[in-house]
Protein backbone atom coordinates (compact mmCIF):
# COMPACT_ATOMS: atom_id res chain seq x y z
CA MET A 1 0.00 0.00 0.00
CA LYS A 2 2.83 2.38 0.87
CA SER A 3 4.50 1.57 -2.44
CA LYS A 4 1.39 2.52 -4.43
CA TYR A 5 1.01 5.71 -2.43
CA LEU A 6 4.67 6.60 -2.95
CA LYS A 7 4.38 5.90 -6.67
CA LEU A 8 1.31 8.11 -6.97
CA MET A 9 2.99 10.88 -5.02
CA THR A 10 6.15 10.52 -7.08
CA VAL A 11 4.16 10.65 -10.33
CA ALA A 12 2.40 13.75 -9.08
CA LEU A 13 5.72 15.30 -8.07
CA VAL A 14 7.42 14.48 -11.35
CA LEU A 15 4.55 15.75 -13.41
CA ALA A 16 4.14 18.79 -11.18
CA VAL A 17 7.46 19.92 -12.56
CA VAL A 18 5.83 19.95 -15.97
CA ALA A 19 3.12 22.19 -14.53
CA ALA A 20 5.78 24.52 -13.17
CA ILE A 21 6.81 25.26 -16.73
CA ALA A 22 3.42 26.89 -17.16
CA VAL A 23 4.37 29.73 -14.88
CA SER A 24 8.14 29.70 -15.14
CA GLN A 25 8.56 32.60 -17.53
CA THR A 26 5.92 34.72 -15.81
CA VAL A 27 7.42 34.17 -12.39
CA LYS A 28 10.88 34.82 -13.77
CA ARG A 29 9.66 38.23 -14.97
CA GLU A 30 7.94 38.85 -11.62
CA HIS A 31 11.16 37.88 -9.85
CA MET A 32 13.14 40.31 -11.98
CA ARG A 33 10.67 43.06 -11.04
CA GLY A 34 11.57 42.60 -7.41
CA TYR A 35 8.89 40.32 -5.98
CA GLY A 36 11.52 38.46 -4.03
CA MET A 37 14.18 35.85 -4.34
CA PHE A 38 11.82 33.01 -3.46
CA ALA A 39 9.48 33.49 -6.41
CA GLY A 40 11.64 31.48 -8.80
CA ASP A 41 12.56 28.95 -6.11
CA VAL A 42 8.99 28.13 -5.11
CA VAL A 43 7.74 27.79 -8.65
CA GLY A 44 10.78 26.09 -10.10
CA GLY A 45 10.88 28.90 -12.56
CA GLY A 46 13.03 29.75 -15.50
CA MET A 47 15.85 27.42 -16.38
CA PHE A 48 14.81 24.71 -13.94
CA GLY A 49 11.39 24.22 -15.57
CA ASP A 50 12.90 24.28 -19.05
CA HIS A 51 15.59 21.86 -17.96
CA MET A 52 12.98 19.41 -16.64
CA LEU A 53 10.96 19.52 -19.87
CA HIS A 54 14.11 18.77 -21.86
CA PHE A 55 15.07 16.04 -19.40
CA PHE A 56 11.74 14.26 -19.81
CA ALA A 57 11.68 14.86 -23.54
CA ARG A 58 15.07 13.17 -23.77
CA LYS A 59 14.45 10.36 -21.25
CA LEU A 60 11.02 9.50 -22.63
CA ASP A 61 11.95 10.15 -26.25
CA LEU A 62 9.06 12.55 -26.73
CA THR A 63 8.39 13.40 -30.33
CA ASP A 64 8.23 17.01 -31.45
CA ALA A 65 4.45 16.60 -31.70
CA GLN A 66 4.26 15.32 -28.12
CA GLN A 67 6.42 18.19 -26.87
CA THR A 68 4.10 20.61 -28.64
CA GLN A 69 1.09 18.89 -27.05
CA VAL A 70 2.67 19.19 -23.59
CA LYS A 71 3.36 22.87 -24.17
CA ASP A 72 -0.24 23.35 -25.36
CA ILE A 73 -1.59 21.61 -22.24
CA ILE A 74 0.56 23.82 -20.06
CA ALA A 75 -0.44 26.97 -21.94
CA LYS A 76 -4.11 26.05 -21.50
CA GLU A 77 -3.70 25.54 -17.73
CA LYS A 78 -1.38 28.49 -17.13
CA PRO A 79 -4.15 30.99 -16.34
CA THR A 80 -5.36 28.69 -13.55
CA ILE A 81 -1.96 27.69 -12.17
CA ARG A 82 -0.25 31.11 -12.25
CA PRO A 83 -2.41 32.85 -9.63
CA LEU A 84 -2.15 29.83 -7.32
CA MET A 85 1.63 29.79 -7.60
CA LEU A 86 1.79 33.52 -6.95
CA GLN A 87 -0.45 33.05 -3.88
CA MET A 88 2.04 30.50 -2.58
CA VAL A 89 4.94 32.88 -3.16
CA GLN A 90 3.15 35.74 -1.43
CA SER A 91 2.14 33.56 1.51
CA HIS A 92 5.71 32.30 1.82
CA GLN A 93 6.99 35.89 1.83
CA GLN A 94 4.46 36.86 4.52
CA LEU A 95 5.58 33.93 6.69
CA LEU A 96 9.20 35.00 6.26
CA GLN A 97 8.32 38.53 7.31
CA LEU A 98 6.50 37.24 10.38
CA MET A 99 9.47 35.08 11.27
CA MET A 100 11.97 37.88 10.79
CA ASN A 101 10.06 40.56 12.72
CA GLY A 102 11.05 38.95 16.01
CA SER A 103 7.65 38.47 17.59
CA PHE A 104 5.73 35.25 17.05
CA ASP A 105 2.06 35.75 16.13
CA GLU A 106 0.61 32.24 16.22
CA ALA A 107 -2.84 33.32 15.03
CA LYS A 108 -1.40 34.99 11.92
CA VAL A 109 0.89 32.03 11.20
CA ARG A 110 -2.06 29.65 11.50
CA GLU A 111 -4.12 31.84 9.20
CA LEU A 112 -1.36 31.89 6.58
CA ALA A 113 -0.79 28.14 6.98
CA SER A 114 -4.49 27.51 6.44
CA GLN A 115 -4.44 29.65 3.30
CA GLN A 116 -1.38 27.74 2.07
CA ALA A 117 -3.15 24.43 2.70
CA GLN A 118 -6.12 25.55 0.60
CA THR A 119 -3.85 26.80 -2.17
CA THR A 120 -1.82 23.59 -2.05
CA THR A 121 -5.02 21.58 -2.43
CA GLU A 122 -6.00 23.58 -5.50
CA LEU A 123 -2.51 23.24 -6.96
CA THR A 124 -2.58 19.49 -6.38
CA VAL A 125 -5.88 19.22 -8.25
CA GLN A 126 -4.59 21.33 -11.13
CA ARG A 127 -1.25 19.52 -11.33
CA THR A 128 -2.97 16.15 -11.28
CA ARG A 129 -5.27 17.32 -14.08
CA ILE A 130 -2.24 18.37 -16.12
CA ALA A 131 -0.43 15.11 -15.33
CA SER A 132 -3.47 13.13 -16.44
CA GLU A 133 -3.60 15.02 -19.72
CA VAL A 134 0.13 14.58 -20.30
CA LEU A 135 -0.06 10.86 -19.56
CA GLN A 136 -2.74 10.53 -22.26
CA ILE A 137 -0.25 11.58 -24.95
CA LEU A 138 2.43 9.07 -23.92
CA THR A 139 2.83 5.78 -25.71
CA PRO A 140 2.80 2.55 -23.67
CA GLU A 141 6.60 2.39 -24.02
CA GLN A 142 6.97 5.94 -22.73
CA LYS A 143 4.70 5.16 -19.79
CA THR A 144 6.91 2.17 -19.01
CA LYS A 145 10.00 4.39 -19.14
CA LEU A 146 8.27 6.93 -16.87
CA THR A 147 7.38 4.18 -14.41
CA ALA A 148 11.04 3.07 -14.39
CA LEU A 149 12.20 6.66 -13.79
CA ILE A 150 9.71 7.02 -10.96
CA ASN A 151 10.80 3.73 -9.42
CA GLN A 152 14.46 4.80 -9.59
CA HIS A 153 13.63 8.13 -7.97
CA GLU A 154 11.56 6.40 -5.31
CA GLN A 155 14.39 3.98 -4.53
CA ARG A 156 16.95 6.79 -4.26
CA PHE A 157 14.59 8.67 -1.94
CA LEU A 158 14.03 5.59 0.24
CA ASN A 159 17.78 4.92 0.37
CA HIS A 160 18.38 8.54 1.35
CA MET A 161 15.74 8.41 4.08
CA GLN A 162 17.11 5.12 5.41
CA GLY A 163 20.57 6.65 5.49
CA GLN A 164 19.27 9.59 7.51
CA THR A 165 17.45 7.29 9.93
CA GLN A 166 20.57 5.15 10.42
CA GLY A 167 22.67 8.27 10.94
CA GLN A 168 20.29 9.54 13.62
CA THR A 169 20.26 6.16 15.35
CA GLN A 170 24.07 5.97 15.38
CA SER A 171 24.46 9.50 16.72
CA GLN A 172 22.16 8.85 19.69
């Protein structure tokens, strides 16, 4: 059961990167206008999003037509994703300001955390919608390759987490 859950979460994570491309250029421009250093980091903007599209295009052997379809899917969803991503950036910046001002306001932090939870839920729905659409354009062979990539990522993550757990146990 955990394996299926991890695979679903990993698929969502991997394909969420594709969704990040939808807002990467916009957020990059917003970042350059001075909206803060975290704008690009939170969204995975600019070069990172482009890099991930090229990575998957290469690893999955996406055709030019498939790459165009992915870009079209992203362009279609961009108006929905962009405001959600910007809400996350703004909320993150507000939390940083609260943290840095020196006095802890639990009520305000809880309010911002609740807003982030709602925004995260909406982003998860949108990203899953995009992932579903992208998966529809993959061939069975490409889906097999994607599954293998996800399994490799999952294994590396599990190995990393086990290494951290062992390190904590040894240090105690």
